[in-house]
Amino acid sequence: MNKAASSGTSLNTKRLDDDTENLAHERVPSDLKKNLMQARLDKKLTQAQLAQMINEKPQVIQEYESGKAIPNQQIIGKLERALGTKLRGKK
């Protein structure tokens, strides 16, 4: 049995077990969700139509409006141009 391999594994395992850091992805802020939904409804667009306008899948729009998406500034920029309004920092 290789002693070096087995001892290193137990040290890594202990380090992983002791690691209590909360690792979570950033989510879409609630004000951006509301602004996106309101702007889309004001233009009388469906999620699928908006997605087609910005060359993304309808699922992307669904994730942004439900708050499950990881914010991507390029997609948010495309949404702002397609809807003709600012979604970030609207106030």
C-alpha atoms as a PDB file:
ATOM      1  CA  MET A   1       0.000   0.000   0.000  1.00  0.00           C
ATOM      2  CA  ASN A   2       1.261   3.464  -0.859  1.00  0.00           C
ATOM      3  CA  LYS A   3       1.541   5.483   2.360  1.00  0.00           C
ATOM      4  CA  ALA A   4       1.913   8.853   0.647  1.00  0.00           C
ATOM      5  CA  ALA A   5      -1.316   8.492  -1.316  1.00  0.00           C
ATOM      6  CA  SER A   6      -3.442   7.342   1.610  1.00  0.00           C
ATOM      7  CA  SER A   7      -2.224  10.017   4.066  1.00  0.00           C
ATOM      8  CA  GLY A   8      -2.779  12.855   1.572  1.00  0.00           C
ATOM      9  CA  THR A   9      -6.329  11.714   0.909  1.00  0.00           C
ATOM     10  CA  SER A  10      -7.295  11.773   4.575  1.00  0.00           C
ATOM     11  CA  LEU A  11      -5.871  15.299   4.969  1.00  0.00           C
ATOM     12  CA  ASN A  12      -7.866  16.543   1.965  1.00  0.00           C
ATOM     13  CA  THR A  13     -11.005  14.819   3.218  1.00  0.00           C
ATOM     14  CA  LYS A  14     -10.646  16.425   6.648  1.00  0.00           C
ATOM     15  CA  ARG A  15     -10.080  19.851   5.059  1.00  0.00           C
ATOM     16  CA  LEU A  16     -13.231  19.432   2.942  1.00  0.00           C
ATOM     17  CA  ASP A  17     -15.246  18.279   5.952  1.00  0.00           C
ATOM     18  CA  ASP A  18     -14.090  21.268   8.015  1.00  0.00           C
ATOM     19  CA  ASP A  19     -14.855  23.734   5.231  1.00  0.00           C
ATOM     20  CA  THR A  20     -18.119  25.425   6.216  1.00  0.00           C
ATOM     21  CA  GLU A  21     -17.960  28.305   3.751  1.00  0.00           C
ATOM     22  CA  ASN A  22     -21.331  28.942   2.115  1.00  0.00           C
ATOM     23  CA  LEU A  23     -20.814  28.704  -1.635  1.00  0.00           C
ATOM     24  CA  ALA A  24     -23.742  30.027  -3.662  1.00  0.00           C
ATOM     25  CA  HIS A  25     -24.072  31.746  -7.013  1.00  0.00           C
ATOM     26  CA  GLU A  26     -25.302  35.303  -7.255  1.00  0.00           C
ATOM     27  CA  ARG A  27     -28.967  35.498  -8.274  1.00  0.00           C
ATOM     28  CA  VAL A  28     -30.999  38.071 -10.178  1.00  0.00           C
ATOM     29  CA  PRO A  29     -32.052  40.934  -7.838  1.00  0.00           C
ATOM     30  CA  SER A  30     -35.795  41.247  -7.225  1.00  0.00           C
ATOM     31  CA  ASP A  31     -35.973  44.793  -8.648  1.00  0.00           C
ATOM     32  CA  LEU A  32     -34.451  43.586 -11.943  1.00  0.00           C
ATOM     33  CA  LYS A  33     -36.995  40.731 -12.090  1.00  0.00           C
ATOM     34  CA  LYS A  34     -39.890  43.137 -11.567  1.00  0.00           C
ATOM     35  CA  ASN A  35     -38.536  45.718 -14.027  1.00  0.00           C
ATOM     36  CA  LEU A  36     -38.006  43.044 -16.699  1.00  0.00           C
ATOM     37  CA  MET A  37     -41.481  41.587 -16.287  1.00  0.00           C
ATOM     38  CA  GLN A  38     -43.147  45.016 -16.284  1.00  0.00           C
ATOM     39  CA  ALA A  39     -41.231  46.227 -19.344  1.00  0.00           C
ATOM     40  CA  ARG A  40     -42.055  43.026 -21.240  1.00  0.00           C
ATOM     41  CA  LEU A  41     -45.762  43.289 -20.387  1.00  0.00           C
ATOM     42  CA  ASP A  42     -45.810  46.998 -21.322  1.00  0.00           C
ATOM     43  CA  LYS A  43     -44.555  46.033 -24.805  1.00  0.00           C
ATOM     44  CA  LYS A  44     -47.162  43.224 -24.905  1.00  0.00           C
ATOM     45  CA  LEU A  45     -44.495  40.583 -25.547  1.00  0.00           C
ATOM     46  CA  THR A  46     -44.473  36.952 -24.476  1.00  0.00           C
ATOM     47  CA  GLN A  47     -41.350  35.445 -22.946  1.00  0.00           C
ATOM     48  CA  ALA A  48     -40.794  33.499 -26.184  1.00  0.00           C
ATOM     49  CA  GLN A  49     -41.101  36.620 -28.349  1.00  0.00           C
ATOM     50  CA  LEU A  50     -38.654  38.557 -26.165  1.00  0.00           C
ATOM     51  CA  ALA A  51     -36.235  35.631 -26.215  1.00  0.00           C
ATOM     52  CA  GLN A  52     -36.399  35.524 -30.012  1.00  0.00           C
ATOM     53  CA  MET A  53     -35.707  39.273 -30.206  1.00  0.00           C
ATOM     54  CA  ILE A  54     -32.451  38.887 -28.255  1.00  0.00           C
ATOM     55  CA  ASN A  55     -31.480  35.513 -29.803  1.00  0.00           C
ATOM     56  CA  GLU A  56     -31.746  33.567 -26.554  1.00  0.00           C
ATOM     57  CA  LYS A  57     -33.864  30.606 -25.490  1.00  0.00           C
ATOM     58  CA  PRO A  58     -37.241  31.270 -23.803  1.00  0.00           C
ATOM     59  CA  GLN A  59     -35.893  29.428 -20.759  1.00  0.00           C
ATOM     60  CA  VAL A  60     -33.384  32.269 -20.232  1.00  0.00           C
ATOM     61  CA  ILE A  61     -36.223  34.800 -19.915  1.00  0.00           C
ATOM     62  CA  GLN A  62     -38.092  32.458 -17.562  1.00  0.00           C
ATOM     63  CA  GLU A  63     -35.018  32.107 -15.348  1.00  0.00           C
ATOM     64  CA  TYR A  64     -34.476  35.876 -15.203  1.00  0.00           C
ATOM     65  CA  GLU A  65     -38.113  36.573 -14.347  1.00  0.00           C
ATOM     66  CA  SER A  66     -38.190  33.842 -11.682  1.00  0.00           C
ATOM     67  CA  GLY A  67     -34.860  34.978 -10.210  1.00  0.00           C
ATOM     68  CA  LYS A  68     -33.085  31.667 -10.776  1.00  0.00           C
ATOM     69  CA  ALA A  69     -30.628  32.930 -13.410  1.00  0.00           C
ATOM     70  CA  ILE A  70     -27.052  33.904 -12.664  1.00  0.00           C
ATOM     71  CA  PRO A  71     -26.869  37.557 -13.812  1.00  0.00           C
ATOM     72  CA  ASN A  72     -25.040  38.033 -17.117  1.00  0.00           C
ATOM     73  CA  GLN A  73     -24.413  41.673 -18.024  1.00  0.00           C
ATOM     74  CA  GLN A  74     -24.430  40.910 -21.771  1.00  0.00           C
ATOM     75  CA  ILE A  75     -27.909  39.361 -21.607  1.00  0.00           C
ATOM     76  CA  ILE A  76     -29.195  42.182 -19.391  1.00  0.00           C
ATOM     77  CA  GLY A  77     -27.819  44.682 -21.932  1.00  0.00           C
ATOM     78  CA  LYS A  78     -29.601  42.872 -24.790  1.00  0.00           C
ATOM     79  CA  LEU A  79     -32.837  42.906 -22.786  1.00  0.00           C
ATOM     80  CA  GLU A  80     -32.501  46.640 -22.116  1.00  0.00           C
ATOM     81  CA  ARG A  81     -31.967  47.392 -25.823  1.00  0.00           C
ATOM     82  CA  ALA A  82     -34.849  45.150 -26.926  1.00  0.00           C
ATOM     83  CA  LEU A  83     -37.259  46.636 -24.376  1.00  0.00           C
ATOM     84  CA  GLY A  84     -35.981  50.205 -24.750  1.00  0.00           C
ATOM     85  CA  THR A  85     -35.651  50.747 -21.006  1.00  0.00           C
ATOM     86  CA  LYS A  86     -33.106  50.499 -18.214  1.00  0.00           C
ATOM     87  CA  LEU A  87     -33.520  47.400 -16.050  1.00  0.00           C
ATOM     88  CA  ARG A  88     -30.543  47.980 -13.767  1.00  0.00           C
ATOM     89  CA  GLY A  89     -30.682  50.884 -11.341  1.00  0.00           C
ATOM     90  CA  LYS A  90     -33.963  52.194 -12.714  1.00  0.00           C
ATOM     91  CA  LYS A  91     -34.531  54.639  -9.842  1.00  0.00           C
END
